[in-house]
N, C-alpha and C. Protein backbone atom coordinates (compact mmCIF):
# COMPACT_ATOMS: atom_id res chain seq x y z
N MET A 1 157.16 167.04 165.51
CA MET A 1 157.21 167.38 164.11
C MET A 1 158.29 166.41 163.09
N GLN A 2 157.52 166.21 162.10
CA GLN A 2 157.85 165.23 161.04
C GLN A 2 159.76 165.59 160.73
N LYS A 3 160.53 164.71 160.98
CA LYS A 3 162.11 164.89 160.45
C LYS A 3 162.44 165.13 158.96
N ILE A 4 162.09 164.57 158.25
CA ILE A 4 162.26 164.43 156.87
C ILE A 4 161.04 164.95 156.14
N THR A 5 160.91 165.74 155.12
CA THR A 5 159.59 166.26 154.49
C THR A 5 159.84 166.39 153.11
N THR A 6 159.10 165.87 152.13
CA THR A 6 159.30 165.94 151.02
C THR A 6 158.99 167.54 150.60
N TYR A 7 159.94 167.97 149.78
CA TYR A 7 159.92 169.27 149.18
C TYR A 7 159.46 168.96 147.57
N LEU A 8 158.56 169.55 146.74
CA LEU A 8 158.46 169.85 145.55
C LEU A 8 158.30 170.96 144.94
N TRP A 9 159.18 171.12 143.77
CA TRP A 9 159.26 172.55 142.85
C TRP A 9 158.04 172.37 141.94
N PHE A 10 157.57 173.23 141.76
CA PHE A 10 156.69 173.69 140.91
C PHE A 10 156.89 175.25 139.97
N ASP A 11 156.30 174.91 139.04
CA ASP A 11 156.79 176.33 137.89
C ASP A 11 155.16 177.43 137.78
N GLY A 12 154.85 177.61 139.17
CA GLY A 12 153.94 178.94 139.56
C GLY A 12 152.02 177.85 139.81
N LYS A 13 152.71 176.78 139.91
CA LYS A 13 151.15 175.99 140.02
C LYS A 13 151.39 175.10 141.58
N ALA A 14 152.28 175.81 142.42
CA ALA A 14 152.27 174.78 143.41
C ALA A 14 151.16 174.98 144.58
N GLU A 15 150.32 176.12 144.67
CA GLU A 15 149.00 176.01 145.47
C GLU A 15 147.92 175.31 144.73
N GLU A 16 147.78 175.35 143.24
CA GLU A 16 147.02 174.52 142.58
C GLU A 16 146.98 172.98 142.90
N ALA A 17 148.51 172.92 142.85
CA ALA A 17 148.44 171.39 142.82
C ALA A 17 148.63 170.64 144.39
N ALA A 18 148.84 171.50 145.57
CA ALA A 18 148.38 171.07 146.74
C ALA A 18 146.76 170.90 146.94
N GLU A 19 146.16 171.79 146.37
CA GLU A 19 144.63 171.89 146.57
C GLU A 19 144.42 170.63 145.45
N PHE A 20 144.91 170.24 144.57
CA PHE A 20 144.17 169.31 143.58
C PHE A 20 144.75 167.76 145.07
N TYR A 21 145.88 167.91 145.16
CA TYR A 21 146.27 166.53 146.06
C TYR A 21 145.43 166.37 147.36
N ALA A 22 144.95 167.62 147.88
CA ALA A 22 144.45 167.68 149.01
C ALA A 22 142.93 167.02 148.86
N SER A 23 142.64 167.46 147.69
CA SER A 23 141.08 166.87 147.31
C SER A 23 141.02 165.60 147.16
N LEU A 24 142.01 164.70 146.78
CA LEU A 24 142.53 163.21 146.56
C LEU A 24 141.93 162.27 147.68
N PHE A 25 142.49 162.51 149.13
CA PHE A 25 142.80 162.29 150.20
C PHE A 25 141.90 163.06 151.37
N GLY A 26 141.24 162.01 151.92
CA GLY A 26 140.01 162.27 152.78
C GLY A 26 140.57 163.33 154.11
N ASP A 27 141.69 162.80 154.64
CA ASP A 27 142.14 163.54 156.00
C ASP A 27 143.09 164.57 155.56
N ALA A 28 143.42 165.07 154.34
CA ALA A 28 144.40 165.93 153.70
C ALA A 28 144.16 167.32 153.99
N LYS A 29 144.90 168.43 153.99
CA LYS A 29 144.46 169.66 154.13
C LYS A 29 146.03 170.43 153.73
N ILE A 30 145.51 171.69 153.80
CA ILE A 30 146.24 172.89 153.82
C ILE A 30 146.87 173.37 154.55
N LEU A 31 148.10 173.50 155.34
CA LEU A 31 148.42 173.58 156.50
C LEU A 31 148.82 175.30 156.46
N ASP A 32 149.62 175.86 155.49
CA ASP A 32 149.98 176.96 155.39
C ASP A 32 150.06 177.46 154.03
N VAL A 33 150.01 178.89 153.58
CA VAL A 33 150.31 179.03 152.37
C VAL A 33 151.17 180.58 152.61
N GLN A 34 152.56 180.59 152.31
CA GLN A 34 153.50 182.04 152.26
C GLN A 34 153.35 182.45 150.65
N ARG A 35 153.06 183.68 150.59
CA ARG A 35 153.33 184.13 149.60
C ARG A 35 154.28 185.29 149.28
N TRP A 36 154.58 185.05 147.86
CA TRP A 36 155.64 186.15 147.66
C TRP A 36 155.25 187.55 147.38
N GLY A 37 156.34 188.69 148.00
CA GLY A 37 155.98 190.14 147.90
C GLY A 37 157.09 190.38 146.79
N ASP A 38 156.80 191.93 146.71
CA ASP A 38 157.14 192.85 145.82
C ASP A 38 158.80 192.23 145.30
N GLY A 39 159.06 192.15 143.91
CA GLY A 39 160.22 191.95 143.85
C GLY A 39 160.85 190.34 143.69
N GLY A 40 159.74 189.70 143.94
CA GLY A 40 160.01 187.78 143.76
C GLY A 40 160.02 187.84 142.12
N PRO A 41 159.95 186.62 142.02
CA PRO A 41 160.03 185.90 140.40
C PRO A 41 158.46 185.78 140.41
N TYR A 42 157.48 185.71 140.89
CA TYR A 42 156.28 185.83 140.53
C TYR A 42 155.47 187.27 141.08
N PRO A 43 154.29 187.36 140.64
CA PRO A 43 153.51 188.82 141.08
C PRO A 43 153.43 188.38 142.49
N ALA A 44 153.62 189.78 143.53
CA ALA A 44 153.17 189.52 144.77
C ALA A 44 151.66 188.88 144.91
N GLY A 45 151.70 188.01 145.99
CA GLY A 45 150.74 187.54 146.40
C GLY A 45 150.62 185.82 145.86
N THR A 46 151.18 185.74 144.84
CA THR A 46 151.21 184.51 144.48
C THR A 46 151.86 183.44 145.62
N ALA A 47 151.49 182.34 145.49
CA ALA A 47 151.81 181.22 146.64
C ALA A 47 153.37 181.28 146.20
N MET A 48 154.55 181.04 147.38
CA MET A 48 155.57 181.12 147.28
C MET A 48 156.01 179.45 147.84
N ILE A 49 155.45 179.18 149.06
CA ILE A 49 155.48 177.82 149.53
C ILE A 49 154.12 177.33 149.82
N VAL A 50 153.58 176.40 149.94
CA VAL A 50 152.33 175.62 150.35
C VAL A 50 152.79 174.64 151.18
N GLU A 51 152.51 174.62 152.44
CA GLU A 51 152.77 173.56 153.16
C GLU A 51 151.42 172.74 153.12
N PHE A 52 151.48 171.23 152.84
CA PHE A 52 150.06 170.59 153.11
C PHE A 52 150.35 169.46 153.83
N GLN A 53 149.29 168.53 154.11
CA GLN A 53 149.19 167.22 154.62
C GLN A 53 148.52 165.93 153.85
N LEU A 54 148.92 165.46 153.89
CA LEU A 54 148.21 163.96 152.93
C LEU A 54 148.40 162.83 153.76
N ALA A 55 147.69 162.26 154.27
CA ALA A 55 147.58 160.79 154.78
C ALA A 55 148.88 161.02 156.31
N GLY A 56 148.46 162.19 156.76
CA GLY A 56 149.53 162.18 158.27
C GLY A 56 150.78 162.63 157.56
N GLN A 57 151.17 163.28 156.51
CA GLN A 57 152.68 163.32 156.12
C GLN A 57 152.48 165.13 155.43
N ARG A 58 153.49 165.41 155.81
CA ARG A 58 153.67 166.76 155.46
C ARG A 58 154.55 166.80 154.45
N PHE A 59 154.26 167.46 153.40
CA PHE A 59 154.65 167.99 152.21
C PHE A 59 154.95 169.85 151.66
N LEU A 60 155.89 170.01 151.35
CA LEU A 60 156.19 171.27 151.05
C LEU A 60 156.49 171.35 149.45
N ALA A 61 155.60 172.59 148.93
CA ALA A 61 155.70 172.53 147.58
C ALA A 61 156.08 174.25 147.26
N LEU A 62 157.11 174.33 146.49
CA LEU A 62 157.65 175.87 146.41
C LEU A 62 157.10 176.10 144.86
N ASN A 63 156.89 177.17 144.58
CA ASN A 63 156.68 178.25 143.23
C ASN A 63 158.17 178.67 143.06
N GLY A 64 158.86 177.82 142.19
CA GLY A 64 160.69 178.24 142.27
C GLY A 64 160.75 178.49 140.81
N GLY A 65 159.77 178.04 140.10
CA GLY A 65 159.99 178.94 138.53
C GLY A 65 160.36 177.41 137.45
N PRO A 66 160.44 177.62 136.34
CA PRO A 66 160.68 176.48 135.27
C PRO A 66 162.10 176.09 135.29
N GLN A 67 163.27 176.49 136.16
CA GLN A 67 164.50 175.55 136.07
C GLN A 67 164.65 174.02 136.10
N PHE A 68 163.95 174.04 136.93
CA PHE A 68 163.73 172.28 137.59
C PHE A 68 161.95 171.27 136.91
N THR A 69 162.23 170.21 136.68
CA THR A 69 161.28 169.59 136.41
C THR A 69 160.84 168.25 137.28
N PHE A 70 160.15 167.38 137.46
CA PHE A 70 160.14 166.39 137.82
C PHE A 70 160.61 165.31 137.14
N THR A 71 160.75 164.43 137.42
CA THR A 71 161.22 163.23 136.57
C THR A 71 161.12 161.89 137.30
N GLU A 72 160.90 160.61 136.78
CA GLU A 72 160.49 159.30 137.13
C GLU A 72 161.38 158.90 138.02
N ALA A 73 162.63 159.61 138.66
CA ALA A 73 163.29 158.82 139.50
C ALA A 73 163.05 158.88 140.89
N VAL A 74 161.78 159.91 140.86
CA VAL A 74 161.11 160.14 142.19
C VAL A 74 159.82 160.04 142.01
N SER A 75 159.01 159.05 142.88
CA SER A 75 157.70 158.91 143.00
C SER A 75 157.08 159.26 144.10
N LEU A 76 155.78 158.95 144.17
CA LEU A 76 155.02 158.98 145.36
C LEU A 76 154.16 158.02 145.26
N TYR A 77 154.36 156.73 146.47
CA TYR A 77 153.76 155.56 145.96
C TYR A 77 152.64 155.49 147.23
N VAL A 78 151.27 155.38 146.51
CA VAL A 78 149.98 155.19 147.61
C VAL A 78 149.42 153.72 147.31
N SER A 79 149.80 153.28 148.83
CA SER A 79 148.87 151.84 148.84
C SER A 79 147.51 152.05 148.97
N CYS A 80 146.84 151.28 148.30
CA CYS A 80 145.59 151.11 148.18
C CYS A 80 144.76 149.94 148.60
N GLU A 81 143.93 150.03 149.75
CA GLU A 81 143.20 148.90 149.94
C GLU A 81 142.08 147.90 149.17
N THR A 82 141.90 148.86 148.44
CA THR A 82 140.96 148.05 147.38
C THR A 82 140.81 148.61 146.02
N GLN A 83 140.14 147.97 144.90
CA GLN A 83 140.58 148.24 143.50
C GLN A 83 139.53 149.16 143.37
N ASP A 84 138.64 149.59 143.94
CA ASP A 84 137.59 150.60 143.84
C ASP A 84 138.67 152.03 144.13
N GLU A 85 139.56 152.10 145.11
CA GLU A 85 140.43 152.89 145.72
C GLU A 85 141.72 153.38 144.65
N VAL A 86 141.84 152.27 143.88
CA VAL A 86 142.67 152.42 142.67
C VAL A 86 142.05 153.17 141.46
N ASP A 87 141.19 152.28 141.48
CA ASP A 87 140.25 152.89 140.21
C ASP A 87 140.31 154.65 140.28
N GLU A 88 139.57 155.04 141.79
CA GLU A 88 139.31 156.17 141.81
C GLU A 88 140.33 157.34 141.75
N LEU A 89 141.47 156.75 142.38
CA LEU A 89 142.55 157.80 142.20
C LEU A 89 143.52 157.83 141.09
N TRP A 90 143.30 156.53 140.11
CA TRP A 90 143.82 156.49 138.97
C TRP A 90 143.11 157.39 138.06
N SER A 91 142.01 157.26 137.87
CA SER A 91 140.84 158.13 137.27
C SER A 91 141.17 160.23 137.44
N LYS A 92 141.47 160.33 138.92
CA LYS A 92 141.60 161.82 139.12
C LYS A 92 142.97 162.37 138.88
N PHE A 93 143.91 161.30 138.95
CA PHE A 93 145.19 161.47 138.66
C PHE A 93 145.33 161.78 136.99
N THR A 94 144.90 160.88 136.30
CA THR A 94 145.46 160.83 135.21
C THR A 94 144.56 161.99 134.06
N ALA A 95 143.27 162.60 134.83
CA ALA A 95 142.49 163.49 134.15
C ALA A 95 143.10 165.06 133.95
N ASP A 96 142.88 165.41 132.99
CA ASP A 96 143.09 166.83 132.78
C ASP A 96 144.43 167.34 132.52
N GLY A 97 145.07 165.93 131.93
CA GLY A 97 146.47 166.24 131.46
C GLY A 97 147.47 164.99 131.91
N GLY A 98 146.91 164.37 133.06
CA GLY A 98 147.83 163.24 133.41
C GLY A 98 148.14 162.46 132.50
N GLU A 99 148.93 161.47 132.60
CA GLU A 99 149.75 160.64 131.91
C GLU A 99 149.84 159.07 132.56
N GLU A 100 148.99 158.03 131.86
CA GLU A 100 149.44 156.41 132.38
C GLU A 100 150.76 156.04 131.96
N SER A 101 151.13 155.27 132.40
CA SER A 101 152.80 154.72 132.48
C SER A 101 152.44 153.24 132.86
N GLN A 102 153.20 152.25 132.72
CA GLN A 102 153.28 151.05 133.06
C GLN A 102 153.34 150.45 134.86
N CYS A 103 152.65 149.41 134.83
CA CYS A 103 153.03 148.64 136.28
C CYS A 103 152.50 150.00 137.45
N GLY A 104 151.37 150.50 137.25
CA GLY A 104 150.60 151.27 138.10
C GLY A 104 151.12 152.64 138.48
N TRP A 105 152.18 153.11 137.67
CA TRP A 105 153.03 154.16 137.62
C TRP A 105 151.81 155.31 136.92
N LEU A 106 152.34 156.82 137.14
CA LEU A 106 151.63 157.66 136.25
C LEU A 106 151.73 158.99 136.77
N LYS A 107 151.76 160.20 135.86
CA LYS A 107 152.19 161.34 136.19
C LYS A 107 151.05 162.08 136.21
N ASP A 108 150.78 162.93 137.06
CA ASP A 108 149.58 163.86 137.15
C ASP A 108 149.98 164.97 136.12
N ARG A 109 148.98 165.98 135.95
CA ARG A 109 149.12 167.02 135.33
C ARG A 109 150.06 167.74 135.54
N PHE A 110 150.72 168.01 136.71
CA PHE A 110 151.90 168.99 136.66
C PHE A 110 152.99 167.88 136.88
N GLY A 111 153.25 166.79 136.27
CA GLY A 111 154.09 165.92 135.67
C GLY A 111 155.10 165.17 137.17
N LEU A 112 154.42 165.45 138.15
CA LEU A 112 154.62 164.52 139.64
C LEU A 112 154.33 162.97 139.51
N SER A 113 155.34 162.29 139.40
CA SER A 113 155.19 160.56 139.42
C SER A 113 154.44 159.94 140.54
N TRP A 114 153.18 159.17 140.08
CA TRP A 114 153.05 158.43 141.31
C TRP A 114 152.73 157.04 141.04
N GLN A 115 152.96 156.25 142.29
CA GLN A 115 152.47 154.98 142.12
C GLN A 115 151.27 154.54 142.82
N ILE A 116 150.30 154.04 141.99
CA ILE A 116 149.12 153.82 142.71
C ILE A 116 149.00 152.10 142.57
N ILE A 117 149.38 151.56 143.93
CA ILE A 117 149.12 150.31 144.20
C ILE A 117 148.33 149.54 144.88
N PRO A 118 147.74 148.43 144.59
CA PRO A 118 147.05 147.86 145.59
C PRO A 118 147.79 146.78 146.67
N THR A 119 147.30 147.01 147.68
CA THR A 119 148.30 146.35 148.63
C THR A 119 148.39 144.74 148.62
N ALA A 120 147.49 144.31 147.51
CA ALA A 120 147.49 142.72 146.99
C ALA A 120 148.74 142.55 146.70
N LEU A 121 149.10 143.64 145.45
CA LEU A 121 150.16 143.45 144.70
C LEU A 121 151.54 142.94 145.08
N PRO A 122 151.82 143.47 146.21
CA PRO A 122 153.18 142.56 146.76
C PRO A 122 153.10 141.12 147.26
N GLU A 123 151.97 140.87 147.62
CA GLU A 123 151.72 139.94 147.98
C GLU A 123 151.45 138.66 146.97
N LEU A 124 151.14 139.38 145.80
CA LEU A 124 150.91 137.93 145.09
C LEU A 124 152.15 137.82 143.96
N ILE A 125 152.83 139.07 143.74
CA ILE A 125 153.81 138.79 143.15
C ILE A 125 155.13 138.29 143.83
N SER A 126 155.13 138.11 144.97
CA SER A 126 155.85 137.34 146.52
C SER A 126 155.14 136.25 146.99
N GLY A 127 153.90 135.71 146.60
CA GLY A 127 153.36 134.79 147.44
C GLY A 127 154.32 133.42 147.56
N PRO A 128 153.67 132.50 148.19
CA PRO A 128 154.31 131.00 148.06
C PRO A 128 154.57 130.28 147.19
N ASP A 129 153.52 130.24 146.58
CA ASP A 129 153.62 129.77 145.12
C ASP A 129 154.12 130.50 144.02
N GLN A 130 155.45 129.63 143.68
CA GLN A 130 156.68 130.71 142.99
C GLN A 130 156.28 131.00 141.55
N ALA A 131 155.36 129.87 141.22
CA ALA A 131 155.22 129.73 139.66
C ALA A 131 153.79 130.76 139.49
N GLY A 132 153.18 130.78 140.47
CA GLY A 132 152.00 131.65 140.47
C GLY A 132 152.46 133.10 140.57
N ALA A 133 153.24 133.20 141.48
CA ALA A 133 154.10 134.67 141.79
C ALA A 133 154.81 135.10 140.22
N GLN A 134 155.28 134.26 139.75
CA GLN A 134 155.81 134.79 138.38
C GLN A 134 154.79 134.97 137.29
N ARG A 135 153.74 134.19 137.62
CA ARG A 135 152.74 134.64 136.46
C ARG A 135 151.87 136.14 136.79
N ALA A 136 151.83 136.04 138.12
CA ALA A 136 151.54 137.69 138.88
C ALA A 136 152.40 138.55 137.87
N MET A 137 153.68 138.59 138.13
CA MET A 137 154.55 139.36 137.87
C MET A 137 154.50 139.78 136.03
N GLN A 138 154.17 138.86 135.69
CA GLN A 138 154.32 138.71 134.21
C GLN A 138 152.94 139.64 133.91
N ALA A 139 152.11 139.15 134.87
CA ALA A 139 150.69 140.02 134.25
C ALA A 139 150.93 141.54 134.64
N MET A 140 151.26 141.52 135.91
CA MET A 140 151.50 143.15 135.80
C MET A 140 152.38 143.93 135.31
N LEU A 141 153.68 143.24 134.41
CA LEU A 141 154.26 144.09 133.60
C LEU A 141 153.51 144.30 132.54
N GLY A 142 152.59 143.73 132.28
CA GLY A 142 151.78 144.07 130.89
C GLY A 142 150.79 145.13 131.30
N MET A 143 150.21 145.44 132.69
CA MET A 143 149.52 146.42 132.81
C MET A 143 149.95 148.05 132.74
N GLN A 144 148.89 148.79 132.72
CA GLN A 144 149.31 150.20 133.07
C GLN A 144 148.64 150.16 134.71
N LYS A 145 147.25 150.53 134.68
CA LYS A 145 146.63 150.50 136.14
C LYS A 145 146.69 149.21 136.38
N ILE A 146 147.12 148.56 137.56
CA ILE A 146 146.92 147.61 138.19
C ILE A 146 145.62 146.82 138.49
N ASP A 147 145.50 145.94 138.33
CA ASP A 147 143.80 145.02 138.05
C ASP A 147 144.22 143.90 139.06
N VAL A 148 143.47 143.92 140.23
CA VAL A 148 143.63 142.78 141.26
C VAL A 148 143.18 141.63 140.73
N ARG A 149 142.03 141.50 140.10
CA ARG A 149 141.43 140.57 139.66
C ARG A 149 142.16 140.02 138.60
N VAL A 150 142.73 140.48 137.73
CA VAL A 150 143.58 139.84 136.70
C VAL A 150 144.38 139.43 137.30
N LEU A 151 145.45 139.68 138.23
CA LEU A 151 146.73 139.39 138.96
C LEU A 151 146.25 138.24 139.50
N GLN A 152 145.03 138.07 140.36
CA GLN A 152 144.49 136.93 141.17
C GLN A 152 144.67 135.82 140.52
N GLN A 153 143.79 136.06 139.02
CA GLN A 153 143.64 135.04 138.01
C GLN A 153 145.10 134.26 137.40
N ALA A 154 146.02 135.28 137.42
CA ALA A 154 147.33 134.89 136.99
C ALA A 154 148.03 134.07 137.86
N TYR A 155 147.72 134.35 139.21
CA TYR A 155 148.51 133.78 140.48
C TYR A 155 147.95 132.57 140.21
N ASP A 156 146.47 132.04 140.25
CA ASP A 156 145.70 131.25 140.36
C ASP A 156 146.16 129.94 139.48
N GLY A 157 146.17 130.69 137.97
CA GLY A 157 146.79 129.81 137.34
C GLY A 157 145.49 129.57 136.22
């Protein structure tokens, strides 16, 4: 069993969020749904806790109410092997109310922050050519969605 599990607090949309996240990753699945009974803060039958798995990692989503919301202080970092993967995830996460931010960060429609980062980014901004790495860093700082081709051009000078 996974020793540390990310626990996410939602206001009535835990099941919808878990299903959305599971739809984005090929090996994802909903593992369990516990439902509120009578007398809970939501109607009986509404998801209380949704257990789901993304890329082999277990998450719990709670319908806890409006008292707490997500901030950018915590984000989920997704390593992407290709620009196509970056583009696809970026498009899906920002659809239907998601918000683009800077340097590969975004918020999905539920307010959760994600970093959609190509594996080439850390290689380019910390490459052996210090001037190239600095140019790549400056290029990245001007981006919302990360574009590997533009980063590589900046690195190459």
